[in-house]
Amino acid sequence: MPAASLNAAYQQPTQRFDVRPFAAAVGAEIVGLDLSRPLNDADFARVHRAHLDYNVVVFRDQHITPQQQIDFSRRFGVLQIHVLKQFLLANHPEIFIISNILENGQPIGLGDAGKFWHSDLSYKELPSLGSMLLAQELPEEGGDTLFASQQLAYETLPAELRQAIDGKRAAHSYTARYADEVFQGIRRPTLTAAQLAEVKAVVHPVVRTHPETGRKGLFVNENFTTHILDIPEDESRQILGELYAHSAKPEFIYRHQWQPNDMVFWDNRALIHLATGCPSHLRRHMHRTTIQGDVPF
C-alpha cells in the first residue's frame, strides 16, 4: 500500500472496544474491535499496550481476509516466512496453515504444530516477536491452546536454579524433535537440503530481557532447545528438565478455548505455548502470521 494511503488509513475514526483481562496469569480479550478496518494510531497504541501488559490478546469475532490479517500483523514488524513452504497459503506466503485436514490424501497444513511447549521460531537468529493465529475451522471438541508466562516462571525460580543459569546460553534447533510423532498418525514431511540450510542451530541466552518492557524471562523450551553451553551434558539435561517442569506450572498458564472467528496474538518473547490436540477425525484449520523480533539479550 502506498505511503499516502497508509497514512490515510491510520487516521480512521476511533473504534469503541474493551480490553478485558482474564482471571489467569496472562491474557485479555479485546471485544468490539473490527480488524477488517485499519486502526488509527490511538487504537493501535491501545492494542500494542494490551499485548505488552497481558502477553496474550484475543480478538473476538473477526471476519477478515488473509490480506487484512497480513496488513494488521505488519503494523508490528516484518513478517517471517515459515520453512515448510508447502504449507503456506497460496498467493499469501506470509500465512502459514496449521491444519489436520487432508485433501486428495495430502495434508493442507501442519497437522501437529505445537504439541511440545515452545516459543515460535526460537531456533532463528531473530526469533519471533509474536504470532497471530486466526480460527478458520474449529473442532467440536479439543483444540485448546495453553500459554505459560516465562517471566513469572523466572521470577519464581528457586535461588539455586536461578544462580545455575545466570549468564548461561543455550542452543536451539528446529530439528531437535522434528521427527517425533506427537499426534497419533501424523508425521512431518521430510526436510530438503535447502530447508535444512534455513534452520541451522542458533544460540540464545537462557534468560532474555524483553526489549520493550525490560522484564526478564526464561527463554528455553522443550521443543527446540537442545543443550546449555559450556557445562557437562548431564548437568545441562538436569537443569533443562528442572526449568521445563517449573516453566509450565498451572499458576503461570492461561488456557484458551477457541471460539469461532477468534484471532489470538501472543508474545513469544514472554511466553511458551502448547497445542492440546483434538480427535483426529475432527477438522481444525488455522491461519498464522509470525512477526520477526530482535536478537535476544
Protein backbone atom coordinates (compact mmCIF):
# COMPACT_ATOMS: atom_id res chain seq x y z
CA MET A 1 0.00 0.00 0.00
CA PRO A 2 1.47 3.44 -0.93
CA ALA A 3 2.65 5.63 1.95
CA ALA A 4 -0.08 8.21 1.34
CA SER A 5 -2.76 5.51 1.50
CA LEU A 6 -1.25 4.08 4.68
CA ASN A 7 -1.23 7.47 6.36
CA ALA A 8 -4.86 7.99 5.42
CA ALA A 9 -5.80 4.53 6.67
CA TYR A 10 -4.18 5.13 10.05
CA GLN A 11 -6.26 8.27 10.57
CA GLN A 12 -9.50 6.31 10.57
CA PRO A 13 -12.17 7.16 13.17
CA THR A 14 -11.60 5.73 16.64
CA GLN A 15 -13.32 2.41 17.29
CA ARG A 16 -15.04 1.71 20.60
CA PHE A 17 -13.69 -1.50 22.10
CA ASP A 18 -12.99 -3.02 25.51
CA VAL A 19 -9.88 -4.76 26.83
CA ARG A 20 -10.99 -7.32 29.43
CA PRO A 21 -8.29 -9.20 31.39
CA PHE A 22 -8.82 -12.89 32.04
CA ALA A 23 -8.73 -14.38 35.52
CA ALA A 24 -5.38 -16.02 34.74
CA ALA A 25 -1.67 -15.27 34.92
CA VAL A 26 -1.75 -13.76 31.43
CA GLY A 27 -4.28 -12.90 28.77
CA ALA A 28 -7.09 -10.49 27.90
CA GLU A 29 -9.84 -10.36 25.32
CA ILE A 30 -10.49 -7.41 23.06
CA VAL A 31 -14.18 -7.03 22.31
CA GLY A 32 -15.77 -4.64 19.83
CA LEU A 33 -12.75 -4.07 17.59
CA ASP A 34 -13.16 -4.68 13.86
CA LEU A 35 -9.82 -5.63 12.30
CA SER A 36 -11.32 -5.53 8.81
CA ARG A 37 -10.96 -1.75 9.21
CA PRO A 38 -7.50 -0.16 9.50
CA LEU A 39 -6.73 1.01 13.04
CA ASN A 40 -5.86 4.62 13.66
CA ASP A 41 -2.74 5.37 15.68
CA ALA A 42 -4.56 5.72 19.01
CA ASP A 43 -6.42 2.42 18.66
CA PHE A 44 -3.26 0.65 17.56
CA ALA A 45 -1.43 2.05 20.59
CA ARG A 46 -4.13 0.61 22.89
CA VAL A 47 -3.79 -2.82 21.28
CA HIS A 48 0.01 -2.65 21.48
CA ARG A 49 -0.18 -1.71 25.17
CA ALA A 50 -2.60 -4.56 25.90
CA HIS A 51 -0.26 -7.00 24.18
CA LEU A 52 2.65 -5.86 26.35
CA ASP A 53 0.57 -5.83 29.55
CA TYR A 54 -1.17 -9.20 29.11
CA ASN A 55 1.14 -11.09 26.68
CA VAL A 56 -1.87 -12.80 25.05
CA VAL A 57 -4.73 -10.84 23.49
CA VAL A 58 -7.79 -12.48 21.97
CA PHE A 59 -9.60 -10.53 19.27
CA ARG A 60 -13.17 -11.78 19.25
CA ASP A 61 -15.44 -12.22 16.24
CA GLN A 62 -13.03 -11.26 13.46
CA HIS A 63 -14.20 -11.63 9.87
CA ILE A 64 -11.06 -10.70 7.97
CA THR A 65 -9.35 -11.73 4.76
CA PRO A 66 -5.84 -13.18 4.60
CA GLN A 67 -4.56 -9.84 3.32
CA GLN A 68 -6.19 -7.99 6.20
CA GLN A 69 -4.52 -10.36 8.68
CA ILE A 70 -1.20 -9.75 6.95
CA ASP A 71 -1.66 -5.96 6.92
CA PHE A 72 -2.54 -5.82 10.61
CA SER A 73 0.35 -8.12 11.54
CA ARG A 74 2.77 -5.88 9.63
CA ARG A 75 1.91 -2.98 11.90
CA PHE A 76 4.07 -4.76 14.49
CA GLY A 77 7.03 -5.57 12.26
CA VAL A 78 8.46 -7.63 9.42
CA LEU A 79 6.71 -10.95 8.83
CA GLN A 80 8.61 -14.23 8.82
CA ILE A 81 8.06 -16.94 6.21
CA HIS A 82 7.95 -20.48 7.58
CA VAL A 83 10.46 -23.05 6.34
CA LEU A 84 7.69 -25.53 5.40
CA LYS A 85 6.83 -23.76 2.15
CA GLN A 86 4.32 -26.43 1.15
CA PHE A 87 2.02 -25.22 3.93
CA LEU A 88 2.00 -21.54 3.00
CA LEU A 89 -1.31 -20.10 1.81
CA ALA A 90 -1.45 -19.74 -1.97
CA ASN A 91 -0.68 -16.15 -3.02
CA HIS A 92 -0.14 -15.21 0.63
CA PRO A 93 3.16 -16.79 1.73
CA GLU A 94 3.12 -14.76 4.95
CA ILE A 95 0.33 -17.05 6.19
CA PHE A 96 1.29 -20.48 7.50
CA ILE A 97 -1.53 -23.04 7.51
CA ILE A 98 -1.98 -25.14 10.65
CA SER A 99 -4.47 -27.89 9.91
CA ASN A 100 -5.15 -31.61 10.24
CA ILE A 101 -7.27 -31.64 7.05
CA LEU A 102 -6.30 -33.87 4.13
CA GLU A 103 -7.17 -33.06 0.52
CA ASN A 104 -6.55 -35.73 -2.10
CA GLY A 105 -4.74 -37.69 0.59
CA GLN A 106 -2.29 -34.88 1.31
CA PRO A 107 -2.16 -32.54 4.33
CA ILE A 108 -3.03 -28.91 3.55
CA GLY A 109 -1.18 -27.65 6.64
CA LEU A 110 0.99 -28.68 9.54
CA GLY A 111 -1.16 -31.10 11.50
CA ASP A 112 0.87 -31.45 14.69
CA ALA A 113 2.01 -27.89 15.33
CA GLY A 114 2.77 -27.01 18.92
CA LYS A 115 2.44 -30.31 20.78
CA PHE A 116 5.54 -29.55 22.86
CA TRP A 117 5.91 -26.35 24.86
CA HIS A 118 7.77 -23.79 22.74
CA SER A 119 8.30 -20.19 21.70
CA ASP A 120 7.75 -19.77 17.96
CA LEU A 121 10.93 -19.65 15.89
CA SER A 122 13.27 -19.64 18.89
CA TYR A 123 15.54 -21.60 16.52
CA LYS A 124 16.12 -18.46 14.39
CA GLU A 125 18.76 -15.77 14.92
CA LEU A 126 15.85 -13.33 15.06
CA PRO A 127 13.12 -15.27 16.91
CA SER A 128 9.51 -14.24 16.67
CA LEU A 129 8.18 -11.13 18.42
CA GLY A 130 4.70 -12.58 18.30
CA SER A 131 2.28 -14.77 16.39
CA MET A 132 -1.30 -14.21 15.29
CA LEU A 133 -3.46 -17.30 14.87
CA LEU A 134 -6.88 -16.92 13.24
CA ALA A 135 -9.50 -19.65 13.56
CA GLN A 136 -10.86 -20.79 10.19
CA GLU A 137 -12.48 -24.08 11.21
CA LEU A 138 -12.68 -25.45 14.75
CA PRO A 139 -13.26 -28.99 16.02
CA GLU A 140 -16.34 -29.75 18.11
CA GLU A 141 -14.10 -30.84 20.97
CA GLY A 142 -10.48 -30.30 21.93
CA GLY A 143 -8.12 -27.95 20.17
CA ASP A 144 -7.33 -25.72 23.17
CA THR A 145 -4.05 -23.77 23.31
CA LEU A 146 -2.13 -23.22 26.55
CA PHE A 147 0.10 -20.21 27.23
CA ALA A 148 2.59 -20.05 30.11
CA SER A 149 4.31 -16.89 31.36
CA GLN A 150 8.07 -17.33 31.29
CA GLN A 151 8.53 -14.05 33.10
CA LEU A 152 6.58 -15.32 36.10
CA ALA A 153 8.46 -18.59 35.78
CA TYR A 154 11.80 -16.80 36.01
CA GLU A 155 10.70 -14.53 38.85
CA THR A 156 9.66 -17.53 40.95
CA LEU A 157 12.68 -19.74 40.28
CA PRO A 158 14.40 -21.21 43.34
CA ALA A 159 17.53 -19.21 44.11
CA GLU A 160 19.85 -22.15 43.44
CA LEU A 161 18.39 -22.78 39.99
CA ARG A 162 18.45 -19.10 39.13
CA GLN A 163 22.12 -18.98 40.07
CA ALA A 164 22.84 -22.07 37.95
CA ILE A 165 21.56 -20.38 34.77
CA ASP A 166 22.96 -16.91 35.43
CA GLY A 167 24.76 -15.76 32.27
CA LYS A 168 24.28 -19.11 30.53
CA ARG A 169 23.45 -19.59 26.85
CA ALA A 170 21.63 -22.46 25.15
CA ALA A 171 21.42 -23.91 21.65
CA HIS A 172 18.12 -24.07 19.75
CA SER A 173 17.40 -26.26 16.73
CA TYR A 174 14.26 -26.65 14.61
CA THR A 175 15.11 -30.31 14.07
CA ALA A 176 15.58 -31.15 17.77
CA ARG A 177 12.29 -33.07 17.96
CA TYR A 178 11.14 -32.72 14.38
CA ALA A 179 10.85 -36.44 13.71
CA ASP A 180 8.92 -37.25 16.90
CA GLU A 181 5.37 -38.50 16.34
CA VAL A 182 3.48 -36.16 18.65
CA PHE A 183 -0.10 -36.65 17.48
CA GLN A 184 -1.03 -40.22 16.62
CA GLY A 185 -0.74 -40.99 12.93
CA ILE A 186 0.71 -37.62 11.91
CA ARG A 187 4.28 -37.46 10.68
CA ARG A 188 6.02 -34.37 9.41
CA PRO A 189 7.32 -34.08 5.84
CA THR A 190 10.98 -34.81 5.23
CA LEU A 191 13.04 -31.63 5.10
CA THR A 192 15.00 -30.93 1.94
CA ALA A 193 18.64 -29.84 1.99
CA ALA A 194 17.50 -26.29 1.20
CA GLN A 195 15.06 -26.33 4.12
CA LEU A 196 17.71 -27.68 6.49
CA ALA A 197 20.02 -24.85 5.42
CA GLU A 198 17.34 -22.36 6.56
CA VAL A 199 17.20 -23.76 10.09
CA LYS A 200 20.76 -24.12 11.30
CA ALA A 201 21.13 -24.22 15.09
CA VAL A 202 21.47 -20.90 16.93
CA VAL A 203 22.47 -19.84 20.44
CA HIS A 204 20.44 -17.56 22.75
CA PRO A 205 20.58 -16.53 26.42
CA VAL A 206 18.79 -18.90 28.80
CA VAL A 207 17.22 -15.79 30.36
CA ARG A 208 16.21 -12.99 28.00
CA THR A 209 15.23 -9.39 28.66
CA HIS A 210 12.04 -8.21 27.00
CA PRO A 211 13.13 -5.41 24.62
CA GLU A 212 10.02 -3.30 25.23
CA THR A 213 9.27 -3.81 28.93
CA GLY A 214 12.70 -4.73 30.34
CA ARG A 215 11.21 -7.69 32.19
CA LYS A 216 13.31 -10.86 32.35
CA GLY A 217 12.01 -14.30 31.47
CA LEU A 218 13.16 -17.83 30.70
CA PHE A 219 13.98 -18.46 27.05
CA VAL A 220 14.39 -22.21 26.73
CA ASN A 221 11.76 -24.72 25.65
CA GLU A 222 11.35 -28.46 25.32
CA ASN A 223 10.64 -28.34 21.57
CA PHE A 224 13.68 -26.51 20.24
CA THR A 225 16.33 -26.16 22.99
CA THR A 226 18.98 -28.90 22.77
CA HIS A 227 21.53 -28.05 25.48
CA ILE A 228 23.10 -25.38 27.64
CA LEU A 229 26.57 -24.41 26.50
CA ASP A 230 29.80 -24.76 28.48
CA ILE A 231 28.59 -27.26 31.07
CA PRO A 232 28.62 -31.10 31.09
CA GLU A 233 25.83 -32.78 29.10
CA ASP A 234 24.28 -34.48 32.13
CA GLU A 235 24.21 -31.20 34.05
CA SER A 236 22.62 -29.43 31.08
CA ARG A 237 19.97 -32.13 30.82
CA GLN A 238 19.18 -31.92 34.54
CA ILE A 239 18.92 -28.12 34.59
CA LEU A 240 16.75 -28.01 31.48
CA GLY A 241 14.48 -30.68 32.94
CA GLU A 242 14.03 -28.63 36.11
CA LEU A 243 13.37 -25.47 34.09
CA TYR A 244 10.79 -27.20 31.88
CA ALA A 245 8.96 -28.61 34.91
CA HIS A 246 8.89 -25.23 36.60
CA SER A 247 8.01 -23.21 33.50
CA ALA A 248 4.67 -24.93 32.91
CA LYS A 249 3.22 -24.80 36.41
CA PRO A 250 -0.56 -24.27 36.43
CA GLU A 251 -0.29 -20.87 38.12
CA PHE A 252 1.59 -19.49 35.10
CA ILE A 253 -0.93 -20.71 32.49
CA TYR A 254 -3.86 -19.32 30.53
CA ARG A 255 -5.88 -21.95 28.67
CA HIS A 256 -7.53 -20.65 25.52
CA GLN A 257 -10.74 -22.37 24.50
CA TRP A 258 -11.30 -21.27 20.94
CA GLN A 259 -14.48 -19.58 19.75
CA PRO A 260 -15.44 -19.12 16.10
CA ASN A 261 -13.56 -16.24 14.44
CA ASP A 262 -11.12 -15.76 17.32
CA MET A 263 -7.71 -14.35 16.45
CA VAL A 264 -5.12 -14.78 19.19
CA PHE A 265 -1.96 -12.65 19.32
CA TRP A 266 0.73 -13.80 21.75
CA ASP A 267 4.17 -12.54 22.75
CA ASN A 268 6.84 -15.13 22.00
CA ARG A 269 9.37 -13.07 23.97
CA ALA A 270 7.40 -13.58 27.19
CA LEU A 271 5.57 -16.90 26.78
CA ILE A 272 5.73 -20.50 25.74
CA HIS A 273 2.65 -22.23 24.36
CA LEU A 274 1.34 -25.69 23.65
CA ALA A 275 -1.43 -27.20 21.50
CA THR A 276 -3.54 -29.78 23.31
CA GLY A 277 -4.70 -31.51 20.11
CA CYS A 278 -8.11 -32.77 19.08
CA PRO A 279 -9.60 -36.08 17.91
CA SER A 280 -8.08 -36.92 14.52
CA HIS A 281 -11.47 -37.24 12.79
CA LEU A 282 -12.43 -33.64 13.68
CA ARG A 283 -11.32 -30.87 11.35
CA ARG A 284 -9.14 -27.99 12.56
CA HIS A 285 -7.88 -25.24 10.28
CA MET A 286 -5.98 -22.09 11.34
CA HIS A 287 -4.04 -19.26 9.66
CA ARG A 288 -0.87 -17.98 11.36
CA THR A 289 1.22 -14.91 10.73
CA THR A 290 4.54 -14.57 12.57
CA ILE A 291 6.25 -11.26 13.32
CA GLN A 292 10.02 -11.04 13.42
CA GLY A 293 11.61 -9.94 16.68
CA ASP A 294 15.06 -8.86 17.82
CA VAL A 295 18.25 -10.67 18.80
CA PRO A 296 17.60 -11.88 22.37
CA PHE A 297 19.75 -10.32 25.11
